[in-house]
Amino acid sequence: MSASELTAVQSQRDGAVVTIKLENGNENLLNPDIMNQLHDAIAAADEDEAVLAIVLTAAGEKFCGGLDVAEIQNGGDPVEFATALVRLLKLMPQIGTALVAAINGDALASGFSIACACDLVVTVPEARLGTFEAGIGIWPMIAQVPPLQRLMPRHALQNIITGVPFSAQEALQFGAINRIVTADRLHRESREMALAASVAGPMLATGRKSFYRFCDLSYDDALDEALDAFTEMLTSPSTH
C-alpha cells in the first residue's frame, strides 16, 4: 500500500483499487485548486494500468458541501470556479476505469453532481443528496447536469426546482445511488463494488466509454456506433 500526499486530496492505492479522499474540513467545500487536484488524481489513477477501479470518498462530516461560496464572495473568480468544476465533471465519464463514490455524509450542490458522475454510489443512511441552490434564490446551472443524466427528469426536477435534497432512501428509490450501508461498512462495501465493477478487465475501458457516449446519442446513432464497436471488439487481436 502506498500513498501520495496532496494538499486537500489524498490518493492511496491498495492492490488494484485507488481510493481518492477529499480532506478539506468538515464540509469539504470546493475551490478551483481542490477541483483541479481531484481531476489530476482521477486522471493519474486512470493512467495506471495496474489500477482496476477508483473509489472517491471524503473525510469529515460531509462528503462535499459544494462550491466554497464564501471564497467567491470574498473575491474568488466565479468563472474560475465554474470552469474547474466543468473540467472535473467532463473527465469523469471519459476515463476507462470504474469509478465508485463512497458517500460518508451529505453530498450537496456540486458534491451531488460529483456523486452522480460516478458509475456506482454507496452511501450512509443519514446522508442527504441533492442541490439546494433554488432554496437560496439561485439555480444549480452546472450542478444540475449530472443528475439529469442519472435520474428521470421529474425526479431530478423535484430536487432541483425546490432546493430540497433527497434523503438517502429517496436517492435510492429514484436511482441516484445504488446502496445504503452503515458507516462501519462503507469502505468495505465500496471496495467490493469497485472490484465487481472492474470484472470486464481490459475491455472495461472501451465499454465504459461507449456506455456514456451512447447515452448522448439518438437511438439509431447509438445502435450504429454499437455495431462498429461490437465488430471491432470481436475482430481485435487483443480479444483472441
C-alpha atoms as a PDB file:
ATOM      1  CA  MET A   1       0.000   0.000   0.000  1.00  0.00           C
ATOM      2  CA  SER A   2       1.377   3.388  -0.944  1.00  0.00           C
ATOM      3  CA  ALA A   3       0.122   6.936  -0.513  1.00  0.00           C
ATOM      4  CA  SER A   4       0.861  10.224  -2.179  1.00  0.00           C
ATOM      5  CA  GLU A   5       0.411  13.432  -0.218  1.00  0.00           C
ATOM      6  CA  LEU A   6      -1.678  16.235  -1.682  1.00  0.00           C
ATOM      7  CA  THR A   7      -2.919  19.403  -0.007  1.00  0.00           C
ATOM      8  CA  ALA A   8      -6.620  18.565   0.237  1.00  0.00           C
ATOM      9  CA  VAL A   9      -6.843  15.373  -1.821  1.00  0.00           C
ATOM     10  CA  GLN A  10      -5.278  12.125  -0.646  1.00  0.00           C
ATOM     11  CA  SER A  11      -4.710   9.347  -3.158  1.00  0.00           C
ATOM     12  CA  GLN A  12      -3.945   5.894  -1.781  1.00  0.00           C
ATOM     13  CA  ARG A  13      -3.555   2.623  -3.646  1.00  0.00           C
ATOM     14  CA  ASP A  14      -4.383  -0.727  -2.083  1.00  0.00           C
ATOM     15  CA  GLY A  15      -3.854  -3.510  -4.580  1.00  0.00           C
ATOM     16  CA  ALA A  16      -5.813  -2.743  -7.741  1.00  0.00           C
ATOM     17  CA  VAL A  17      -8.012  -0.072  -6.130  1.00  0.00           C
ATOM     18  CA  VAL A  18      -7.085   3.579  -5.653  1.00  0.00           C
ATOM     19  CA  THR A  19      -9.024   5.497  -3.016  1.00  0.00           C
ATOM     20  CA  ILE A  20      -9.132   9.246  -3.553  1.00  0.00           C
ATOM     21  CA  LYS A  21     -10.188  11.097  -0.427  1.00  0.00           C
ATOM     22  CA  LEU A  22     -11.254  14.715  -0.161  1.00  0.00           C
ATOM     23  CA  GLU A  23      -9.953  16.281   3.059  1.00  0.00           C
ATOM     24  CA  ASN A  24     -10.913  19.943   3.353  1.00  0.00           C
ATOM     25  CA  GLY A  25     -12.613  20.398   6.704  1.00  0.00           C
ATOM     26  CA  ASN A  26     -15.962  19.008   7.782  1.00  0.00           C
ATOM     27  CA  GLU A  27     -17.861  20.259   4.724  1.00  0.00           C
ATOM     28  CA  ASN A  28     -15.178  19.554   2.089  1.00  0.00           C
ATOM     29  CA  LEU A  29     -16.023  22.675   0.107  1.00  0.00           C
ATOM     30  CA  LEU A  30     -14.596  23.024  -3.373  1.00  0.00           C
ATOM     31  CA  ASN A  31     -12.395  25.723  -4.847  1.00  0.00           C
ATOM     32  CA  PRO A  32     -10.552  25.662  -8.184  1.00  0.00           C
ATOM     33  CA  ASP A  33      -7.337  24.282  -6.695  1.00  0.00           C
ATOM     34  CA  ILE A  34      -9.122  21.410  -4.954  1.00  0.00           C
ATOM     35  CA  MET A  35     -11.191  20.565  -8.036  1.00  0.00           C
ATOM     36  CA  ASN A  36      -8.029  20.531 -10.138  1.00  0.00           C
ATOM     37  CA  GLN A  37      -6.403  18.237  -7.577  1.00  0.00           C
ATOM     38  CA  LEU A  38      -9.377  15.879  -7.808  1.00  0.00           C
ATOM     39  CA  HIS A  39      -9.192  15.984 -11.589  1.00  0.00           C
ATOM     40  CA  ASP A  40      -5.486  15.193 -11.624  1.00  0.00           C
ATOM     41  CA  ALA A  41      -5.775  12.426  -9.019  1.00  0.00           C
ATOM     42  CA  ILE A  42      -8.527  10.694 -11.017  1.00  0.00           C
ATOM     43  CA  ALA A  43      -6.588  11.102 -14.262  1.00  0.00           C
ATOM     44  CA  ALA A  44      -3.399   9.723 -12.699  1.00  0.00           C
ATOM     45  CA  ALA A  45      -5.192   6.667 -11.327  1.00  0.00           C
ATOM     46  CA  ASP A  46      -6.830   6.071 -14.694  1.00  0.00           C
ATOM     47  CA  GLU A  47      -3.473   6.169 -16.458  1.00  0.00           C
ATOM     48  CA  ASP A  48      -2.024   3.467 -14.169  1.00  0.00           C
ATOM     49  CA  GLU A  49      -2.533   0.146 -15.960  1.00  0.00           C
ATOM     50  CA  ALA A  50      -2.379  -1.754 -12.660  1.00  0.00           C
ATOM     51  CA  VAL A  51      -5.414   0.146 -11.307  1.00  0.00           C
ATOM     52  CA  LEU A  52      -8.761  -1.545 -11.954  1.00  0.00           C
ATOM     53  CA  ALA A  53     -11.052   0.776 -10.011  1.00  0.00           C
ATOM     54  CA  ILE A  54     -11.231   4.112  -8.214  1.00  0.00           C
ATOM     55  CA  VAL A  55     -13.160   4.853  -5.030  1.00  0.00           C
ATOM     56  CA  LEU A  56     -13.950   8.509  -4.408  1.00  0.00           C
ATOM     57  CA  THR A  57     -14.722   9.400  -0.789  1.00  0.00           C
ATOM     58  CA  ALA A  58     -14.106  12.080   1.851  1.00  0.00           C
ATOM     59  CA  ALA A  59     -13.119  12.680   5.445  1.00  0.00           C
ATOM     60  CA  GLY A  60     -15.124  14.926   7.766  1.00  0.00           C
ATOM     61  CA  GLU A  61     -18.845  15.141   8.378  1.00  0.00           C
ATOM     62  CA  LYS A  62     -19.902  15.663   4.767  1.00  0.00           C
ATOM     63  CA  PHE A  63     -18.860  14.096   1.502  1.00  0.00           C
ATOM     64  CA  CYS A  64     -18.948  17.523  -0.136  1.00  0.00           C
ATOM     65  CA  GLY A  65     -20.983  20.654   0.505  1.00  0.00           C
ATOM     66  CA  GLY A  66     -20.427  22.103  -2.971  1.00  0.00           C
ATOM     67  CA  LEU A  67     -18.514  25.161  -4.068  1.00  0.00           C
ATOM     68  CA  ASP A  68     -16.946  27.417  -1.451  1.00  0.00           C
ATOM     69  CA  VAL A  69     -19.405  30.293  -1.898  1.00  0.00           C
ATOM     70  CA  ALA A  70     -17.772  32.309   0.904  1.00  0.00           C
ATOM     71  CA  GLU A  71     -14.495  32.264  -1.019  1.00  0.00           C
ATOM     72  CA  ILE A  72     -16.281  33.562  -4.108  1.00  0.00           C
ATOM     73  CA  GLN A  73     -17.955  36.295  -2.059  1.00  0.00           C
ATOM     74  CA  ASN A  74     -14.536  37.271  -0.721  1.00  0.00           C
ATOM     75  CA  GLY A  75     -13.117  37.888  -4.175  1.00  0.00           C
ATOM     76  CA  GLY A  76     -12.790  34.488  -5.797  1.00  0.00           C
ATOM     77  CA  ASP A  77     -13.446  34.439  -9.546  1.00  0.00           C
ATOM     78  CA  PRO A  78     -16.771  32.612 -10.108  1.00  0.00           C
ATOM     79  CA  VAL A  79     -15.806  31.815 -13.694  1.00  0.00           C
ATOM     80  CA  GLU A  80     -12.639  30.110 -12.465  1.00  0.00           C
ATOM     81  CA  PHE A  81     -14.710  28.043 -10.029  1.00  0.00           C
ATOM     82  CA  ALA A  82     -17.211  27.080 -12.725  1.00  0.00           C
ATOM     83  CA  THR A  83     -14.508  26.240 -15.247  1.00  0.00           C
ATOM     84  CA  ALA A  84     -12.710  23.932 -12.808  1.00  0.00           C
ATOM     85  CA  LEU A  85     -15.989  22.176 -11.956  1.00  0.00           C
ATOM     86  CA  VAL A  86     -16.877  21.622 -15.604  1.00  0.00           C
ATOM     87  CA  ARG A  87     -13.360  20.308 -16.295  1.00  0.00           C
ATOM     88  CA  LEU A  88     -13.704  17.778 -13.472  1.00  0.00           C
ATOM     89  CA  LEU A  89     -17.222  16.667 -14.427  1.00  0.00           C
ATOM     90  CA  LYS A  90     -16.204  16.250 -18.082  1.00  0.00           C
ATOM     91  CA  LEU A  91     -13.315  13.982 -17.126  1.00  0.00           C
ATOM     92  CA  MET A  92     -15.309  11.531 -15.025  1.00  0.00           C
ATOM     93  CA  PRO A  93     -17.304   9.814 -17.828  1.00  0.00           C
ATOM     94  CA  GLN A  94     -14.265   9.845 -20.144  1.00  0.00           C
ATOM     95  CA  ILE A  95     -11.916   7.673 -18.092  1.00  0.00           C
ATOM     96  CA  GLY A  96     -11.618   3.935 -18.683  1.00  0.00           C
ATOM     97  CA  THR A  97     -11.561   2.924 -15.011  1.00  0.00           C
ATOM     98  CA  ALA A  98     -14.553   2.000 -12.863  1.00  0.00           C
ATOM     99  CA  LEU A  99     -15.444   4.868 -10.537  1.00  0.00           C
ATOM    100  CA  VAL A 100     -17.344   4.331  -7.274  1.00  0.00           C
ATOM    101  CA  ALA A 101     -18.436   7.023  -4.810  1.00  0.00           C
ATOM    102  CA  ALA A 102     -18.408   6.158  -1.102  1.00  0.00           C
ATOM    103  CA  ILE A 103     -20.617   8.883   0.355  1.00  0.00           C
ATOM    104  CA  ASN A 104     -19.715   9.334   4.027  1.00  0.00           C
ATOM    105  CA  GLY A 105     -22.125  12.239   4.636  1.00  0.00           C
ATOM    106  CA  ASP A 106     -24.129  14.912   2.828  1.00  0.00           C
ATOM    107  CA  ALA A 107     -23.397  15.288  -0.897  1.00  0.00           C
ATOM    108  CA  LEU A 108     -24.829  18.681  -1.781  1.00  0.00           C
ATOM    109  CA  ALA A 109     -24.806  21.008  -4.791  1.00  0.00           C
ATOM    110  CA  SER A 110     -21.620  20.259  -6.772  1.00  0.00           C
ATOM    111  CA  GLY A 111     -20.928  17.415  -4.351  1.00  0.00           C
ATOM    112  CA  PHE A 112     -24.134  15.772  -5.566  1.00  0.00           C
ATOM    113  CA  SER A 113     -23.010  16.328  -9.156  1.00  0.00           C
ATOM    114  CA  ILE A 114     -19.731  14.544  -8.463  1.00  0.00           C
ATOM    115  CA  ALA A 115     -21.615  11.630  -6.913  1.00  0.00           C
ATOM    116  CA  CYS A 116     -23.948  11.421  -9.908  1.00  0.00           C
ATOM    117  CA  ALA A 117     -20.982  11.430 -12.292  1.00  0.00           C
ATOM    118  CA  CYS A 118     -19.628   8.231 -10.696  1.00  0.00           C
ATOM    119  CA  ASP A 119     -20.596   4.795 -12.015  1.00  0.00           C
ATOM    120  CA  LEU A 120     -21.848   3.401  -8.710  1.00  0.00           C
ATOM    121  CA  VAL A 121     -22.679   5.094  -5.411  1.00  0.00           C
ATOM    122  CA  VAL A 122     -22.905   3.711  -1.883  1.00  0.00           C
ATOM    123  CA  THR A 123     -23.928   5.976   0.980  1.00  0.00           C
ATOM    124  CA  VAL A 124     -24.586   6.059   4.701  1.00  0.00           C
ATOM    125  CA  PRO A 125     -28.228   6.218   5.882  1.00  0.00           C
ATOM    126  CA  GLU A 126     -28.076   9.756   7.287  1.00  0.00           C
ATOM    127  CA  ALA A 127     -26.660  11.397   4.155  1.00  0.00           C
ATOM    128  CA  ARG A 128     -28.662  13.974   2.235  1.00  0.00           C
ATOM    129  CA  LEU A 129     -28.065  14.154  -1.516  1.00  0.00           C
ATOM    130  CA  GLY A 130     -29.067  16.883  -3.912  1.00  0.00           C
ATOM    131  CA  THR A 131     -28.813  20.506  -4.895  1.00  0.00           C
ATOM    132  CA  PHE A 132     -30.024  23.276  -2.598  1.00  0.00           C
ATOM    133  CA  GLU A 133     -29.388  26.375  -4.702  1.00  0.00           C
ATOM    134  CA  ALA A 134     -33.038  27.037  -5.594  1.00  0.00           C
ATOM    135  CA  GLY A 135     -33.790  27.302  -1.891  1.00  0.00           C
ATOM    136  CA  ILE A 136     -31.496  30.318  -1.590  1.00  0.00           C
ATOM    137  CA  GLY A 137     -32.726  32.039  -4.740  1.00  0.00           C
ATOM    138  CA  ILE A 138     -30.216  30.861  -7.346  1.00  0.00           C
ATOM    139  CA  TRP A 139     -30.131  27.981  -9.830  1.00  0.00           C
ATOM    140  CA  PRO A 140     -27.727  24.993  -9.940  1.00  0.00           C
ATOM    141  CA  MET A 141     -26.805  25.741 -13.530  1.00  0.00           C
ATOM    142  CA  ILE A 142     -23.826  23.356 -13.712  1.00  0.00           C
ATOM    143  CA  ALA A 143     -24.696  21.077 -10.792  1.00  0.00           C
ATOM    144  CA  GLN A 144     -27.978  20.052 -12.463  1.00  0.00           C
ATOM    145  CA  VAL A 145     -26.283  18.412 -15.456  1.00  0.00           C
ATOM    146  CA  PRO A 146     -25.072  15.083 -13.946  1.00  0.00           C
ATOM    147  CA  PRO A 147     -28.386  14.452 -12.104  1.00  0.00           C
ATOM    148  CA  LEU A 148     -30.234  14.981 -15.383  1.00  0.00           C
ATOM    149  CA  GLN A 149     -28.072  12.234 -16.893  1.00  0.00           C
ATOM    150  CA  ARG A 150     -28.767   9.860 -13.993  1.00  0.00           C
ATOM    151  CA  LEU A 151     -32.383  10.442 -12.949  1.00  0.00           C
ATOM    152  CA  MET A 152     -35.722  10.651 -14.654  1.00  0.00           C
ATOM    153  CA  PRO A 153     -36.369  14.352 -15.393  1.00  0.00           C
ATOM    154  CA  ARG A 154     -39.310  14.553 -12.989  1.00  0.00           C
ATOM    155  CA  HIS A 155     -37.256  13.099 -10.138  1.00  0.00           C
ATOM    156  CA  ALA A 156     -34.325  15.376 -10.903  1.00  0.00           C
ATOM    157  CA  LEU A 157     -36.611  18.396 -11.047  1.00  0.00           C
ATOM    158  CA  GLN A 158     -38.140  17.510  -7.688  1.00  0.00           C
ATOM    159  CA  ASN A 159     -34.808  18.344  -6.109  1.00  0.00           C
ATOM    160  CA  ILE A 160     -33.535  20.999  -8.492  1.00  0.00           C
ATOM    161  CA  ILE A 161     -36.640  23.196  -8.532  1.00  0.00           C
ATOM    162  CA  THR A 162     -37.294  23.013  -4.771  1.00  0.00           C
ATOM    163  CA  GLY A 163     -33.721  23.004  -3.473  1.00  0.00           C
ATOM    164  CA  VAL A 164     -34.665  20.249  -1.008  1.00  0.00           C
ATOM    165  CA  PRO A 165     -32.082  17.422  -1.060  1.00  0.00           C
ATOM    166  CA  PHE A 166     -33.157  13.785  -1.121  1.00  0.00           C
ATOM    167  CA  SER A 167     -32.829  11.546   1.892  1.00  0.00           C
ATOM    168  CA  ALA A 168     -30.632   8.507   1.296  1.00  0.00           C
ATOM    169  CA  GLN A 169     -33.754   6.363   0.948  1.00  0.00           C
ATOM    170  CA  GLU A 170     -35.277   8.728  -1.625  1.00  0.00           C
ATOM    171  CA  ALA A 171     -31.995   8.828  -3.524  1.00  0.00           C
ATOM    172  CA  LEU A 172     -32.021   5.031  -3.641  1.00  0.00           C
ATOM    173  CA  GLN A 173     -35.641   4.958  -4.777  1.00  0.00           C
ATOM    174  CA  PHE A 174     -35.001   7.476  -7.561  1.00  0.00           C
ATOM    175  CA  GLY A 175     -31.815   5.844  -8.829  1.00  0.00           C
ATOM    176  CA  ALA A 176     -29.253   8.404  -7.661  1.00  0.00           C
ATOM    177  CA  ILE A 177     -27.439   5.808  -5.566  1.00  0.00           C
ATOM    178  CA  ASN A 178     -27.039   2.021  -5.570  1.00  0.00           C
ATOM    179  CA  ARG A 179     -26.813   1.023  -1.928  1.00  0.00           C
ATOM    180  CA  ILE A 180     -27.169   2.281   1.651  1.00  0.00           C
ATOM    181  CA  VAL A 181     -24.832   0.866   4.299  1.00  0.00           C
ATOM    182  CA  THR A 182     -23.782   1.761   7.815  1.00  0.00           C
ATOM    183  CA  ALA A 183     -20.664   3.881   8.249  1.00  0.00           C
ATOM    184  CA  ASP A 184     -18.595   0.956   9.523  1.00  0.00           C
ATOM    185  CA  ARG A 185     -19.295  -0.949   6.278  1.00  0.00           C
ATOM    186  CA  LEU A 186     -18.859   1.953   3.844  1.00  0.00           C
ATOM    187  CA  HIS A 187     -15.195   1.385   2.964  1.00  0.00           C
ATOM    188  CA  ARG A 188     -15.530  -2.398   2.596  1.00  0.00           C
ATOM    189  CA  GLU A 189     -18.749  -2.152   0.569  1.00  0.00           C
ATOM    190  CA  SER A 190     -17.396   0.497  -1.794  1.00  0.00           C
ATOM    191  CA  ARG A 191     -14.217  -1.504  -2.380  1.00  0.00           C
ATOM    192  CA  GLU A 192     -16.209  -4.659  -3.127  1.00  0.00           C
ATOM    193  CA  MET A 193     -18.417  -2.699  -5.544  1.00  0.00           C
ATOM    194  CA  ALA A 194     -15.348  -1.224  -7.210  1.00  0.00           C
ATOM    195  CA  LEU A 195     -13.785  -4.649  -7.773  1.00  0.00           C
ATOM    196  CA  ALA A 196     -17.088  -6.045  -9.035  1.00  0.00           C
ATOM    197  CA  ALA A 197     -17.390  -3.116 -11.447  1.00  0.00           C
ATOM    198  CA  SER A 198     -13.973  -3.915 -12.921  1.00  0.00           C
ATOM    199  CA  VAL A 199     -14.701  -7.564 -13.756  1.00  0.00           C
ATOM    200  CA  ALA A 200     -14.574  -6.849 -17.517  1.00  0.00           C
ATOM    201  CA  GLY A 201     -10.839  -6.300 -17.187  1.00  0.00           C
ATOM    202  CA  PRO A 202      -9.114  -4.587 -20.139  1.00  0.00           C
ATOM    203  CA  MET A 203     -12.404  -4.335 -22.039  1.00  0.00           C
ATOM    204  CA  LEU A 204     -13.815  -2.072 -19.303  1.00  0.00           C
ATOM    205  CA  ALA A 205     -12.052   0.997 -20.701  1.00  0.00           C
ATOM    206  CA  THR A 206     -13.715   0.631 -24.097  1.00  0.00           C
ATOM    207  CA  GLY A 207     -17.054  -0.495 -22.709  1.00  0.00           C
ATOM    208  CA  ARG A 208     -17.360   2.226 -20.088  1.00  0.00           C
ATOM    209  CA  LYS A 209     -16.579   4.977 -22.568  1.00  0.00           C
ATOM    210  CA  SER A 210     -19.084   3.561 -25.051  1.00  0.00           C
ATOM    211  CA  PHE A 211     -21.802   3.452 -22.377  1.00  0.00           C
ATOM    212  CA  TYR A 212     -21.541   7.163 -21.644  1.00  0.00           C
ATOM    213  CA  ARG A 213     -21.156   8.054 -25.304  1.00  0.00           C
ATOM    214  CA  PHE A 214     -24.255   6.071 -26.286  1.00  0.00           C
ATOM    215  CA  CYS A 215     -26.276   7.853 -23.580  1.00  0.00           C
ATOM    216  CA  ASP A 216     -25.803  11.088 -25.519  1.00  0.00           C
ATOM    217  CA  LEU A 217     -26.760   9.702 -28.946  1.00  0.00           C
ATOM    218  CA  SER A 218     -30.092   9.090 -30.606  1.00  0.00           C
ATOM    219  CA  TYR A 219     -31.338   5.504 -30.542  1.00  0.00           C
ATOM    220  CA  ASP A 220     -30.387   4.803 -34.166  1.00  0.00           C
ATOM    221  CA  ASP A 221     -26.998   6.513 -33.925  1.00  0.00           C
ATOM    222  CA  ALA A 222     -26.185   4.585 -30.760  1.00  0.00           C
ATOM    223  CA  LEU A 223     -27.016   1.293 -32.482  1.00  0.00           C
ATOM    224  CA  ASP A 224     -24.882   2.197 -35.495  1.00  0.00           C
ATOM    225  CA  GLU A 225     -21.926   3.019 -33.271  1.00  0.00           C
ATOM    226  CA  ALA A 226     -22.573  -0.107 -31.203  1.00  0.00           C
ATOM    227  CA  LEU A 227     -22.375  -2.237 -34.336  1.00  0.00           C
ATOM    228  CA  ASP A 228     -18.994  -0.755 -35.232  1.00  0.00           C
ATOM    229  CA  ALA A 229     -17.736  -1.159 -31.666  1.00  0.00           C
ATOM    230  CA  PHE A 230     -19.009  -4.746 -31.483  1.00  0.00           C
ATOM    231  CA  THR A 231     -17.273  -5.668 -34.730  1.00  0.00           C
ATOM    232  CA  GLU A 232     -14.024  -4.065 -33.624  1.00  0.00           C
ATOM    233  CA  MET A 233     -14.220  -5.771 -30.229  1.00  0.00           C
ATOM    234  CA  LEU A 234     -14.585  -9.260 -31.704  1.00  0.00           C
ATOM    235  CA  THR A 235     -12.070  -8.823 -34.507  1.00  0.00           C
ATOM    236  CA  SER A 236      -9.335  -7.113 -32.493  1.00  0.00           C
ATOM    237  CA  PRO A 237      -6.274  -9.329 -31.886  1.00  0.00           C
ATOM    238  CA  SER A 238      -6.376  -8.426 -28.178  1.00  0.00           C
ATOM    239  CA  THR A 239      -9.678 -10.290 -27.751  1.00  0.00           C
ATOM    240  CA  HIS A 240      -8.344 -13.608 -29.072  1.00  0.00           C
END
